Amino acid sequence: PTTRCAKVRAPMDWAAPDAHPDIEVAIAYSEATGTSQGLMMTNPG
């Protein structure tokens, strides 16, 4: 499937979201070509 990319806003500090500028987190997303069992995330280390 087509993999789409975006950046989402998040607090720099989740304990004090208003104390610092926001940051961006880059994500890539594709939808299951069959019946989806859920959302699978990965991390390489």
PDB file of all heavy atoms in Angstrom:
ATOM      1  N   PRO A   1       0.837  -1.201   0.000  1.00  0.00           N
ATOM      2  CA  PRO A   1       0.000   0.000   0.000  1.00  0.00           C
ATOM      3  C   PRO A   1       0.875   1.255   0.000  1.00  0.00           C
ATOM      4  O   PRO A   1       2.072   1.185   0.280  1.00  0.00           O
ATOM      5  CB  PRO A   1      -0.768  -0.118   1.320  1.00  0.00           C
ATOM      6  CG  PRO A   1       0.149  -0.891   2.215  1.00  0.00           C
ATOM      7  CD  PRO A   1       0.845  -1.873   1.312  1.00  0.00           C
ATOM      8  N   THR A   2       0.272   2.369  -0.310  1.00  0.00           N
ATOM      9  CA  THR A   2       1.007   3.638  -0.270  1.00  0.00           C
ATOM     10  C   THR A   2       1.326   4.009   1.176  1.00  0.00           C
ATOM     11  O   THR A   2       0.467   3.937   2.056  1.00  0.00           O
ATOM     12  CB  THR A   2       0.185   4.761  -0.918  1.00  0.00           C
ATOM     13  OG1 THR A   2       0.001   4.452  -2.301  1.00  0.00           O
ATOM     14  CG2 THR A   2       0.875   6.106  -0.773  1.00  0.00           C
ATOM     15  N   THR A   3       2.579   4.368   1.402  1.00  0.00           N
ATOM     16  CA  THR A   3       2.994   4.818   2.730  1.00  0.00           C
ATOM     17  C   THR A   3       3.044   6.338   2.724  1.00  0.00           C
ATOM     18  O   THR A   3       3.734   6.949   1.902  1.00  0.00           O
ATOM     19  CB  THR A   3       4.374   4.246   3.106  1.00  0.00           C
ATOM     20  OG1 THR A   3       4.343   2.822   3.022  1.00  0.00           O
ATOM     21  CG2 THR A   3       4.754   4.653   4.516  1.00  0.00           C
ATOM     22  N   ARG A   4       2.292   6.925   3.639  1.00  0.00           N
ATOM     23  CA  ARG A   4       2.204   8.384   3.729  1.00  0.00           C
ATOM     24  C   ARG A   4       2.945   8.867   4.971  1.00  0.00           C
ATOM     25  O   ARG A   4       2.983   8.178   5.991  1.00  0.00           O
ATOM     26  CB  ARG A   4       0.751   8.830   3.774  1.00  0.00           C
ATOM     27  CG  ARG A   4      -0.044   8.468   2.524  1.00  0.00           C
ATOM     28  CD  ARG A   4      -1.501   8.868   2.682  1.00  0.00           C
ATOM     29  NE  ARG A   4      -2.157   8.119   3.754  1.00  0.00           N
ATOM     30  CZ  ARG A   4      -3.248   8.522   4.405  1.00  0.00           C
ATOM     31  NH1 ARG A   4      -3.792   9.685   4.104  1.00  0.00           N
ATOM     32  NH2 ARG A   4      -3.777   7.769   5.354  1.00  0.00           N
ATOM     33  N   CYS A   5       3.513  10.045   4.875  1.00  0.00           N
ATOM     34  CA  CYS A   5       4.305  10.612   5.962  1.00  0.00           C
ATOM     35  C   CYS A   5       3.707  11.923   6.444  1.00  0.00           C
ATOM     36  O   CYS A   5       3.024  12.631   5.690  1.00  0.00           O
ATOM     37  CB  CYS A   5       5.751  10.844   5.521  1.00  0.00           C
ATOM     38  SG  CYS A   5       6.740   9.323   5.397  1.00  0.00           S
ATOM     39  N   ALA A   6       3.978  12.233   7.697  1.00  0.00           N
ATOM     40  CA  ALA A   6       3.507  13.484   8.289  1.00  0.00           C
ATOM     41  C   ALA A   6       4.323  13.748   9.544  1.00  0.00           C
ATOM     42  O   ALA A   6       5.083  12.888  10.015  1.00  0.00           O
ATOM     43  CB  ALA A   6       2.017  13.397   8.621  1.00  0.00           C
ATOM     44  N   LYS A   7       4.135  14.954  10.076  1.00  0.00           N
ATOM     45  CA  LYS A   7       4.706  15.296  11.371  1.00  0.00           C
ATOM     46  C   LYS A   7       3.576  15.759  12.278  1.00  0.00           C
ATOM     47  O   LYS A   7       2.743  16.570  11.870  1.00  0.00           O
ATOM     48  CB  LYS A   7       5.771  16.393  11.240  1.00  0.00           C
ATOM     49  CG  LYS A   7       7.008  15.933  10.475  1.00  0.00           C
ATOM     50  CD  LYS A   7       8.076  17.013  10.407  1.00  0.00           C
ATOM     51  CE  LYS A   7       9.313  16.516   9.656  1.00  0.00           C
ATOM     52  NZ  LYS A   7      10.372  17.544   9.580  1.00  0.00           N
ATOM     53  N   VAL A   8       3.542  15.211  13.494  1.00  0.00           N
ATOM     54  CA  VAL A   8       2.493  15.577  14.447  1.00  0.00           C
ATOM     55  C   VAL A   8       3.114  16.374  15.587  1.00  0.00           C
ATOM     56  O   VAL A   8       4.259  16.145  15.988  1.00  0.00           O
ATOM     57  CB  VAL A   8       1.757  14.339  14.980  1.00  0.00           C
ATOM     58  CG1 VAL A   8       1.078  13.593  13.839  1.00  0.00           C
ATOM     59  CG2 VAL A   8       2.697  13.405  15.726  1.00  0.00           C
ATOM     60  N   ARG A   9       2.345  17.295  16.105  1.00  0.00           N
ATOM     61  CA  ARG A   9       2.801  18.135  17.216  1.00  0.00           C
ATOM     62  C   ARG A   9       2.651  17.391  18.541  1.00  0.00           C
ATOM     63  O   ARG A   9       1.655  16.704  18.766  1.00  0.00           O
ATOM     64  CB  ARG A   9       2.015  19.437  17.276  1.00  0.00           C
ATOM     65  CG  ARG A   9       2.327  20.432  16.174  1.00  0.00           C
ATOM     66  CD  ARG A   9       1.561  21.724  16.369  1.00  0.00           C
ATOM     67  NE  ARG A   9       0.110  21.523  16.290  1.00  0.00           N
ATOM     68  CZ  ARG A   9      -0.709  21.543  17.329  1.00  0.00           C
ATOM     69  NH1 ARG A   9      -0.242  21.750  18.558  1.00  0.00           N
ATOM     70  NH2 ARG A   9      -2.024  21.363  17.173  1.00  0.00           N
ATOM     71  N   ALA A  10       3.631  17.564  19.412  1.00  0.00           N
ATOM     72  CA  ALA A  10       3.592  16.984  20.755  1.00  0.00           C
ATOM     73  C   ALA A  10       4.248  17.970  21.712  1.00  0.00           C
ATOM     74  O   ALA A  10       5.062  18.809  21.302  1.00  0.00           O
ATOM     75  CB  ALA A  10       4.325  15.644  20.787  1.00  0.00           C
ATOM     76  N   PRO A  11       3.925  17.904  22.988  1.00  0.00           N
ATOM     77  CA  PRO A  11       4.593  18.781  23.954  1.00  0.00           C
ATOM     78  C   PRO A  11       6.072  18.431  24.073  1.00  0.00           C
ATOM     79  O   PRO A  11       6.443  17.251  24.007  1.00  0.00           O
ATOM     80  CB  PRO A  11       3.868  18.493  25.266  1.00  0.00           C
ATOM     81  CG  PRO A  11       2.638  17.743  24.906  1.00  0.00           C
ATOM     82  CD  PRO A  11       2.926  17.031  23.628  1.00  0.00           C
ATOM     83  N   MET A  12       6.901  19.424  24.260  1.00  0.00           N
ATOM     84  CA  MET A  12       8.306  19.134  24.549  1.00  0.00           C
ATOM     85  C   MET A  12       8.423  18.391  25.871  1.00  0.00           C
ATOM     86  O   MET A  12       9.201  17.440  25.985  1.00  0.00           O
ATOM     87  CB  MET A  12       9.121  20.431  24.609  1.00  0.00           C
ATOM     88  CG  MET A  12      10.601  20.204  24.861  1.00  0.00           C
ATOM     89  SD  MET A  12      11.572  21.724  24.914  1.00  0.00           S
ATOM     90  CE  MET A  12      11.456  22.281  23.210  1.00  0.00           C
ATOM     91  N   ASP A  13       7.630  18.811  26.857  1.00  0.00           N
ATOM     92  CA  ASP A  13       7.593  18.151  28.155  1.00  0.00           C
ATOM     93  C   ASP A  13       6.149  17.797  28.473  1.00  0.00           C
ATOM     94  O   ASP A  13       5.311  18.670  28.705  1.00  0.00           O
ATOM     95  CB  ASP A  13       8.164  19.065  29.237  1.00  0.00           C
ATOM     96  CG  ASP A  13       8.115  18.444  30.622  1.00  0.00           C
ATOM     97  OD1 ASP A  13       7.880  17.217  30.713  1.00  0.00           O
ATOM     98  OD2 ASP A  13       8.319  19.177  31.602  1.00  0.00           O
ATOM     99  N   TRP A  14       5.852  16.506  28.483  1.00  0.00           N
ATOM    100  CA  TRP A  14       4.486  16.073  28.725  1.00  0.00           C
ATOM    101  C   TRP A  14       4.011  16.423  30.133  1.00  0.00           C
ATOM    102  O   TRP A  14       2.810  16.495  30.387  1.00  0.00           O
ATOM    103  CB  TRP A  14       4.363  14.573  28.478  1.00  0.00           C
ATOM    104  CG  TRP A  14       4.197  14.238  27.026  1.00  0.00           C
ATOM    105  CD1 TRP A  14       5.175  13.896  26.141  1.00  0.00           C
ATOM    106  CD2 TRP A  14       2.972  14.204  26.298  1.00  0.00           C
ATOM    107  NE1 TRP A  14       4.641  13.658  24.894  1.00  0.00           N
ATOM    108  CE2 TRP A  14       3.283  13.835  24.965  1.00  0.00           C
ATOM    109  CE3 TRP A  14       1.643  14.449  26.629  1.00  0.00           C
ATOM    110  CZ2 TRP A  14       2.315  13.711  23.977  1.00  0.00           C
ATOM    111  CZ3 TRP A  14       0.676  14.320  25.642  1.00  0.00           C
ATOM    112  CH2 TRP A  14       1.012  13.954  24.334  1.00  0.00           C
ATOM    113  N   ALA A  15       4.945  16.643  31.062  1.00  0.00           N
ATOM    114  CA  ALA A  15       4.550  17.013  32.420  1.00  0.00           C
ATOM    115  C   ALA A  15       4.133  18.477  32.512  1.00  0.00           C
ATOM    116  O   ALA A  15       3.436  18.861  33.457  1.00  0.00           O
ATOM    117  CB  ALA A  15       5.698  16.747  33.389  1.00  0.00           C
ATOM    118  N   ALA A  16       4.551  19.281  31.553  1.00  0.00           N
ATOM    119  CA  ALA A  16       4.221  20.714  31.553  1.00  0.00           C
ATOM    120  C   ALA A  16       4.054  21.168  30.111  1.00  0.00           C
ATOM    121  O   ALA A  16       4.942  21.838  29.552  1.00  0.00           O
ATOM    122  CB  ALA A  16       5.308  21.518  32.261  1.00  0.00           C
ATOM    123  N   PRO A  17       2.936  20.805  29.459  1.00  0.00           N
ATOM    124  CA  PRO A  17       2.779  21.062  28.019  1.00  0.00           C
ATOM    125  C   PRO A  17       2.852  22.532  27.630  1.00  0.00           C
ATOM    126  O   PRO A  17       3.194  22.834  26.479  1.00  0.00           O
ATOM    127  CB  PRO A  17       1.387  20.491  27.722  1.00  0.00           C
ATOM    128  CG  PRO A  17       1.142  19.490  28.797  1.00  0.00           C
ATOM    129  CD  PRO A  17       1.810  20.039  30.020  1.00  0.00           C
ATOM    130  N   ASP A  18       2.544  23.454  28.561  1.00  0.00           N
ATOM    131  CA  ASP A  18       2.535  24.863  28.217  1.00  0.00           C
ATOM    132  C   ASP A  18       3.852  25.569  28.526  1.00  0.00           C
ATOM    133  O   ASP A  18       3.996  26.767  28.255  1.00  0.00           O
ATOM    134  CB  ASP A  18       1.401  25.575  28.968  1.00  0.00           C
ATOM    135  CG  ASP A  18       0.040  25.018  28.596  1.00  0.00           C
ATOM    136  OD1 ASP A  18      -0.153  24.674  27.407  1.00  0.00           O
ATOM    137  OD2 ASP A  18      -0.820  24.917  29.491  1.00  0.00           O
ATOM    138  N   ALA A  19       4.815  24.847  29.082  1.00  0.00           N
ATOM    139  CA  ALA A  19       6.037  25.491  29.564  1.00  0.00           C
ATOM    140  C   ALA A  19       7.105  25.656  28.491  1.00  0.00           C
ATOM    141  O   ALA A  19       8.051  26.427  28.685  1.00  0.00           O
ATOM    142  CB  ALA A  19       6.607  24.694  30.734  1.00  0.00           C
ATOM    143  N   HIS A  20       6.958  24.951  27.375  1.00  0.00           N
ATOM    144  CA  HIS A  20       7.990  24.984  26.334  1.00  0.00           C
ATOM    145  C   HIS A  20       7.316  24.961  24.969  1.00  0.00           C
ATOM    146  O   HIS A  20       6.146  24.577  24.855  1.00  0.00           O
ATOM    147  CB  HIS A  20       8.915  23.764  26.464  1.00  0.00           C
ATOM    148  CG  HIS A  20       9.508  23.569  27.809  1.00  0.00           C
ATOM    149  ND1 HIS A  20      10.662  24.189  28.215  1.00  0.00           N
ATOM    150  CD2 HIS A  20       9.089  22.809  28.867  1.00  0.00           C
ATOM    151  CE1 HIS A  20      10.937  23.829  29.455  1.00  0.00           C
ATOM    152  NE2 HIS A  20      10.002  22.996  29.876  1.00  0.00           N
ATOM    153  N   PRO A  21       8.040  25.319  23.932  1.00  0.00           N
ATOM    154  CA  PRO A  21       7.475  25.191  22.579  1.00  0.00           C
ATOM    155  C   PRO A  21       7.183  23.724  22.255  1.00  0.00           C
ATOM    156  O   PRO A  21       7.808  22.807  22.798  1.00  0.00           O
ATOM    157  CB  PRO A  21       8.589  25.744  21.669  1.00  0.00           C
ATOM    158  CG  PRO A  21       9.469  26.545  22.564  1.00  0.00           C
ATOM    159  CD  PRO A  21       9.394  25.914  23.913  1.00  0.00           C
ATOM    160  N   ASP A  22       6.217  23.516  21.370  1.00  0.00           N
ATOM    161  CA  ASP A  22       5.931  22.156  20.919  1.00  0.00           C
ATOM    162  C   ASP A  22       7.074  21.617  20.076  1.00  0.00           C
ATOM    163  O   ASP A  22       7.890  22.368  19.516  1.00  0.00           O
ATOM    164  CB  ASP A  22       4.649  22.131  20.075  1.00  0.00           C
ATOM    165  CG  ASP A  22       3.389  22.300  20.915  1.00  0.00           C
ATOM    166  OD1 ASP A  22       3.470  22.118  22.146  1.00  0.00           O
ATOM    167  OD2 ASP A  22       2.338  22.617  20.327  1.00  0.00           O
ATOM    168  N   ILE A  23       7.127  20.293  19.992  1.00  0.00           N
ATOM    169  CA  ILE A  23       8.047  19.623  19.068  1.00  0.00           C
ATOM    170  C   ILE A  23       7.233  18.892  18.014  1.00  0.00           C
ATOM    171  O   ILE A  23       5.997  18.821  18.100  1.00  0.00           O
ATOM    172  CB  ILE A  23       8.961  18.624  19.795  1.00  0.00           C
ATOM    173  CG1 ILE A  23       8.130  17.479  20.391  1.00  0.00           C
ATOM    174  CG2 ILE A  23       9.808  19.317  20.839  1.00  0.00           C
ATOM    175  CD1 ILE A  23       8.932  16.252  20.760  1.00  0.00           C
ATOM    176  N   GLU A  24       7.917  18.343  17.010  1.00  0.00           N
ATOM    177  CA  GLU A  24       7.268  17.533  15.981  1.00  0.00           C
ATOM    178  C   GLU A  24       7.840  16.126  15.990  1.00  0.00           C
ATOM    179  O   GLU A  24       9.045  15.936  16.191  1.00  0.00           O
ATOM    180  CB  GLU A  24       7.449  18.155  14.596  1.00  0.00           C
ATOM    181  CG  GLU A  24       6.687  19.458  14.404  1.00  0.00           C
ATOM    182  CD  GLU A  24       6.816  19.998  12.989  1.00  0.00           C
ATOM    183  OE1 GLU A  24       7.911  19.866  12.408  1.00  0.00           O
ATOM    184  OE2 GLU A  24       5.826  20.543  12.477  1.00  0.00           O
ATOM    185  N   VAL A  25       6.954  15.160  15.791  1.00  0.00           N
ATOM    186  CA  VAL A  25       7.346  13.755  15.702  1.00  0.00           C
ATOM    187  C   VAL A  25       6.977  13.252  14.311  1.00  0.00           C
ATOM    188  O   VAL A  25       5.814  13.346  13.893  1.00  0.00           O
ATOM    189  CB  VAL A  25       6.638  12.918  16.785  1.00  0.00           C
ATOM    190  CG1 VAL A  25       6.968  11.439  16.609  1.00  0.00           C
ATOM    191  CG2 VAL A  25       7.034  13.398  18.177  1.00  0.00           C
ATOM    192  N   ALA A  26       7.965  12.746  13.586  1.00  0.00           N
ATOM    193  CA  ALA A  26       7.749  12.267  12.218  1.00  0.00           C
ATOM    194  C   ALA A  26       7.209  10.847  12.238  1.00  0.00           C
ATOM    195  O   ALA A  26       7.747   9.969  12.923  1.00  0.00           O
ATOM    196  CB  ALA A  26       9.052  12.320  11.428  1.00  0.00           C
ATOM    197  N   ILE A  27       6.141  10.608  11.473  1.00  0.00           N
ATOM    198  CA  ILE A  27       5.535   9.279  11.392  1.00  0.00           C
ATOM    199  C   ILE A  27       5.289   8.906   9.938  1.00  0.00           C
ATOM    200  O   ILE A  27       5.162   9.772   9.066  1.00  0.00           O
ATOM    201  CB  ILE A  27       4.210   9.189  12.187  1.00  0.00           C
ATOM    202  CG1 ILE A  27       3.180  10.190  11.654  1.00  0.00           C
ATOM    203  CG2 ILE A  27       4.459   9.398  13.666  1.00  0.00           C
ATOM    204  CD1 ILE A  27       1.797  10.054  12.305  1.00  0.00           C
ATOM    205  N   ALA A  28       5.250   7.611   9.683  1.00  0.00           N
ATOM    206  CA  ALA A  28       4.885   7.058   8.374  1.00  0.00           C
ATOM    207  C   ALA A  28       3.758   6.064   8.603  1.00  0.00           C
ATOM    208  O   ALA A  28       3.785   5.300   9.577  1.00  0.00           O
ATOM    209  CB  ALA A  28       6.080   6.376   7.727  1.00  0.00           C
ATOM    210  N   TYR A  29       2.776   6.035   7.693  1.00  0.00           N
ATOM    211  CA  TYR A  29       1.566   5.239   7.931  1.00  0.00           C
ATOM    212  C   TYR A  29       1.056   4.626   6.639  1.00  0.00           C
ATOM    213  O   TYR A  29       1.042   5.269   5.587  1.00  0.00           O
ATOM    214  CB  TYR A  29       0.489   6.140   8.535  1.00  0.00           C
ATOM    215  CG  TYR A  29      -0.838   5.476   8.798  1.00  0.00           C
ATOM    216  CD1 TYR A  29      -0.983   4.517   9.796  1.00  0.00           C
ATOM    217  CD2 TYR A  29      -1.967   5.815   8.053  1.00  0.00           C
ATOM    218  CE1 TYR A  29      -2.211   3.920  10.045  1.00  0.00           C
ATOM    219  CE2 TYR A  29      -3.196   5.227   8.289  1.00  0.00           C
ATOM    220  CZ  TYR A  29      -3.309   4.268   9.293  1.00  0.00           C
ATOM    221  OH  TYR A  29      -4.524   3.684   9.536  1.00  0.00           O
ATOM    222  N   SER A  30       0.677   3.349   6.725  1.00  0.00           N
ATOM    223  CA  SER A  30       0.000   2.699   5.603  1.00  0.00           C
ATOM    224  C   SER A  30      -1.143   1.861   6.149  1.00  0.00           C
ATOM    225  O   SER A  30      -1.062   1.316   7.256  1.00  0.00           O
ATOM    226  CB  SER A  30       0.965   1.813   4.807  1.00  0.00           C
ATOM    227  OG  SER A  30       1.436   0.728   5.588  1.00  0.00           O
ATOM    228  N   GLU A  31      -2.233   1.774   5.371  1.00  0.00           N
ATOM    229  CA  GLU A  31      -3.400   1.000   5.789  1.00  0.00           C
ATOM    230  C   GLU A  31      -3.298  -0.434   5.280  1.00  0.00           C
ATOM    231  O   GLU A  31      -2.770  -0.690   4.196  1.00  0.00           O
ATOM    232  CB  GLU A  31      -4.675   1.659   5.268  1.00  0.00           C
ATOM    233  CG  GLU A  31      -4.929   3.037   5.865  1.00  0.00           C
ATOM    234  CD  GLU A  31      -6.237   3.654   5.384  1.00  0.00           C
ATOM    235  OE1 GLU A  31      -6.873   3.061   4.483  1.00  0.00           O
ATOM    236  OE2 GLU A  31      -6.611   4.715   5.897  1.00  0.00           O
ATOM    237  N   ALA A  32      -3.787  -1.360   6.079  1.00  0.00           N
ATOM    238  CA  ALA A  32      -3.754  -2.780   5.709  1.00  0.00           C
ATOM    239  C   ALA A  32      -4.483  -3.004   4.391  1.00  0.00           C
ATOM    240  O   ALA A  32      -5.536  -2.412   4.137  1.00  0.00           O
ATOM    241  CB  ALA A  32      -4.393  -3.614   6.811  1.00  0.00           C
ATOM    242  N   THR A  33      -3.935  -3.860   3.557  1.00  0.00           N
ATOM    243  CA  THR A  33      -4.592  -4.174   2.286  1.00  0.00           C
ATOM    244  C   THR A  33      -5.701  -5.204   2.467  1.00  0.00           C
ATOM    245  O   THR A  33      -6.538  -5.371   1.580  1.00  0.00           O
ATOM    246  CB  THR A  33      -3.569  -4.702   1.270  1.00  0.00           C
ATOM    247  OG1 THR A  33      -2.929  -5.864   1.810  1.00  0.00           O
ATOM    248  CG2 THR A  33      -2.515  -3.634   0.965  1.00  0.00           C
ATOM    249  N   GLY A  34      -5.708  -5.902   3.606  1.00  0.00           N
ATOM    250  CA  GLY A  34      -6.792  -6.825   3.945  1.00  0.00           C
ATOM    251  C   GLY A  34      -7.544  -6.312   5.155  1.00  0.00           C
ATOM    252  O   GLY A  34      -7.598  -5.105   5.407  1.00  0.00           O
ATOM    253  N   THR A  35      -8.120  -7.219   5.914  1.00  0.00           N
ATOM    254  CA  THR A  35      -8.813  -6.848   7.148  1.00  0.00           C
ATOM    255  C   THR A  35      -7.775  -6.581   8.228  1.00  0.00           C
ATOM    256  O   THR A  35      -7.016  -7.472   8.610  1.00  0.00           O
ATOM    257  CB  THR A  35      -9.763  -7.957   7.602  1.00  0.00           C
ATOM    258  OG1 THR A  35     -10.719  -8.206   6.571  1.00  0.00           O
ATOM    259  CG2 THR A  35     -10.484  -7.555   8.885  1.00  0.00           C
ATOM    260  N   SER A  36      -7.727  -5.345   8.715  1.00  0.00           N
ATOM    261  CA  SER A  36      -6.693  -4.967   9.664  1.00  0.00           C
ATOM    262  C   SER A  36      -6.909  -5.615  11.025  1.00  0.00           C
ATOM    263  O   SER A  36      -8.013  -5.607  11.571  1.00  0.00           O
ATOM    264  CB  SER A  36      -6.658  -3.444   9.834  1.00  0.00           C
ATOM    265  OG  SER A  36      -5.701  -3.081  10.807  1.00  0.00           O
ATOM    266  N   GLN A  37      -5.821  -6.167  11.582  1.00  0.00           N
ATOM    267  CA  GLN A  37      -5.850  -6.683  12.944  1.00  0.00           C
ATOM    268  C   GLN A  37      -5.498  -5.610  13.966  1.00  0.00           C
ATOM    269  O   GLN A  37      -5.645  -5.840  15.177  1.00  0.00           O
ATOM    270  CB  GLN A  37      -4.879  -7.855  13.093  1.00  0.00           C
ATOM    271  CG  GLN A  37      -5.257  -9.084  12.308  1.00  0.00           C
ATOM    272  CD  GLN A  37      -4.569 -10.320  12.861  1.00  0.00           C
ATOM    273  OE1 GLN A  37      -4.557 -10.550  14.071  1.00  0.00           O
ATOM    274  NE2 GLN A  37      -3.994 -11.118  11.980  1.00  0.00           N
ATOM    275  N   GLY A  38      -5.009  -4.472  13.513  1.00  0.00           N
ATOM    276  CA  GLY A  38      -4.635  -3.429  14.452  1.00  0.00           C
ATOM    277  C   GLY A  38      -3.532  -2.549  13.906  1.00  0.00           C
ATOM    278  O   GLY A  38      -3.193  -2.604  12.721  1.00  0.00           O
ATOM    279  N   LEU A  39      -2.961  -1.740  14.789  1.00  0.00           N
ATOM    280  CA  LEU A  39      -1.916  -0.788  14.435  1.00  0.00           C
ATOM    281  C   LEU A  39      -0.579  -1.329  14.918  1.00  0.00           C
ATOM    282  O   LEU A  39      -0.374  -1.524  16.119  1.00  0.00           O
ATOM    283  CB  LEU A  39      -2.201   0.566  15.081  1.00  0.00           C
ATOM    284  CG  LEU A  39      -1.201   1.692  14.780  1.00  0.00           C
ATOM    285  CD1 LEU A  39      -1.268   2.096  13.308  1.00  0.00           C
ATOM    286  CD2 LEU A  39      -1.482   2.897  15.678  1.00  0.00           C
ATOM    287  N   MET A  40       0.340  -1.573  13.993  1.00  0.00           N
ATOM    288  CA  MET A  40       1.658  -2.120  14.315  1.00  0.00           C
ATOM    289  C   MET A  40       2.720  -1.030  14.200  1.00  0.00           C
ATOM    290  O   MET A  40       2.912  -0.438  13.138  1.00  0.00           O
ATOM    291  CB  MET A  40       1.998  -3.274  13.371  1.00  0.00           C
ATOM    292  CG  MET A  40       3.406  -3.856  13.562  1.00  0.00           C
ATOM    293  SD  MET A  40       3.606  -4.712  15.138  1.00  0.00           S
ATOM    294  CE  MET A  40       2.689  -6.235  14.813  1.00  0.00           C
ATOM    295  N   MET A  41       3.424  -0.777  15.301  1.00  0.00           N
ATOM    296  CA  MET A  41       4.550   0.154  15.330  1.00  0.00           C
ATOM    297  C   MET A  41       5.834  -0.637  15.515  1.00  0.00           C
ATOM    298  O   MET A  41       5.821  -1.752  16.069  1.00  0.00           O
ATOM    299  CB  MET A  41       4.367   1.163  16.468  1.00  0.00           C
ATOM    300  CG  MET A  41       5.437   2.256  16.542  1.00  0.00           C
ATOM    301  SD  MET A  41       5.175   3.417  17.940  1.00  0.00           S
ATOM    302  CE  MET A  41       3.774   4.348  17.328  1.00  0.00           C
ATOM    303  N   THR A  42       6.963  -0.073  15.099  1.00  0.00           N
ATOM    304  CA  THR A  42       8.251  -0.746  15.237  1.00  0.00           C
ATOM    305  C   THR A  42       9.302   0.247  15.712  1.00  0.00           C
ATOM    306  O   THR A  42       9.123   1.466  15.628  1.00  0.00           O
ATOM    307  CB  THR A  42       8.714  -1.348  13.894  1.00  0.00           C
ATOM    308  OG1 THR A  42       8.837  -0.295  12.922  1.00  0.00           O
ATOM    309  CG2 THR A  42       7.730  -2.390  13.378  1.00  0.00           C
ATOM    310  N   ASN A  43      10.412  -0.294  16.213  1.00  0.00           N
ATOM    311  CA  ASN A  43      11.573   0.533  16.562  1.00  0.00           C
ATOM    312  C   ASN A  43      12.835  -0.272  16.316  1.00  0.00           C
ATOM    313  O   ASN A  43      12.927  -1.432  16.734  1.00  0.00           O
ATOM    314  CB  ASN A  43      11.513   0.985  18.019  1.00  0.00           C
ATOM    315  CG  ASN A  43      12.690   1.880  18.397  1.00  0.00           C
ATOM    316  OD1 ASN A  43      13.755   1.400  18.779  1.00  0.00           O
ATOM    317  ND2 ASN A  43      12.490   3.178  18.270  1.00  0.00           N
ATOM    318  N   PRO A  44      13.856   0.323  15.656  1.00  0.00           N
ATOM    319  CA  PRO A  44      15.048  -0.431  15.278  1.00  0.00           C
ATOM    320  C   PRO A  44      16.123  -0.514  16.339  1.00  0.00           C
ATOM    321  O   PRO A  44      17.079  -1.272  16.186  1.00  0.00           O
ATOM    322  CB  PRO A  44      15.569   0.352  14.068  1.00  0.00           C
ATOM    323  CG  PRO A  44      15.185   1.773  14.375  1.00  0.00           C
ATOM    324  CD  PRO A  44      13.857   1.686  15.080  1.00  0.00           C
ATOM    325  N   GLY A  45      16.025   0.296  17.418  1.00  0.00           N
ATOM    326  CA  GLY A  45      17.055   0.265  18.443  1.00  0.00           C
ATOM    327  C   GLY A  45      17.747   1.593  18.597  1.00  0.00           C
ATOM    328  O   GLY A  45      17.270   2.636  18.171  1.00  0.00           O
TER     329      GLY A  45
END
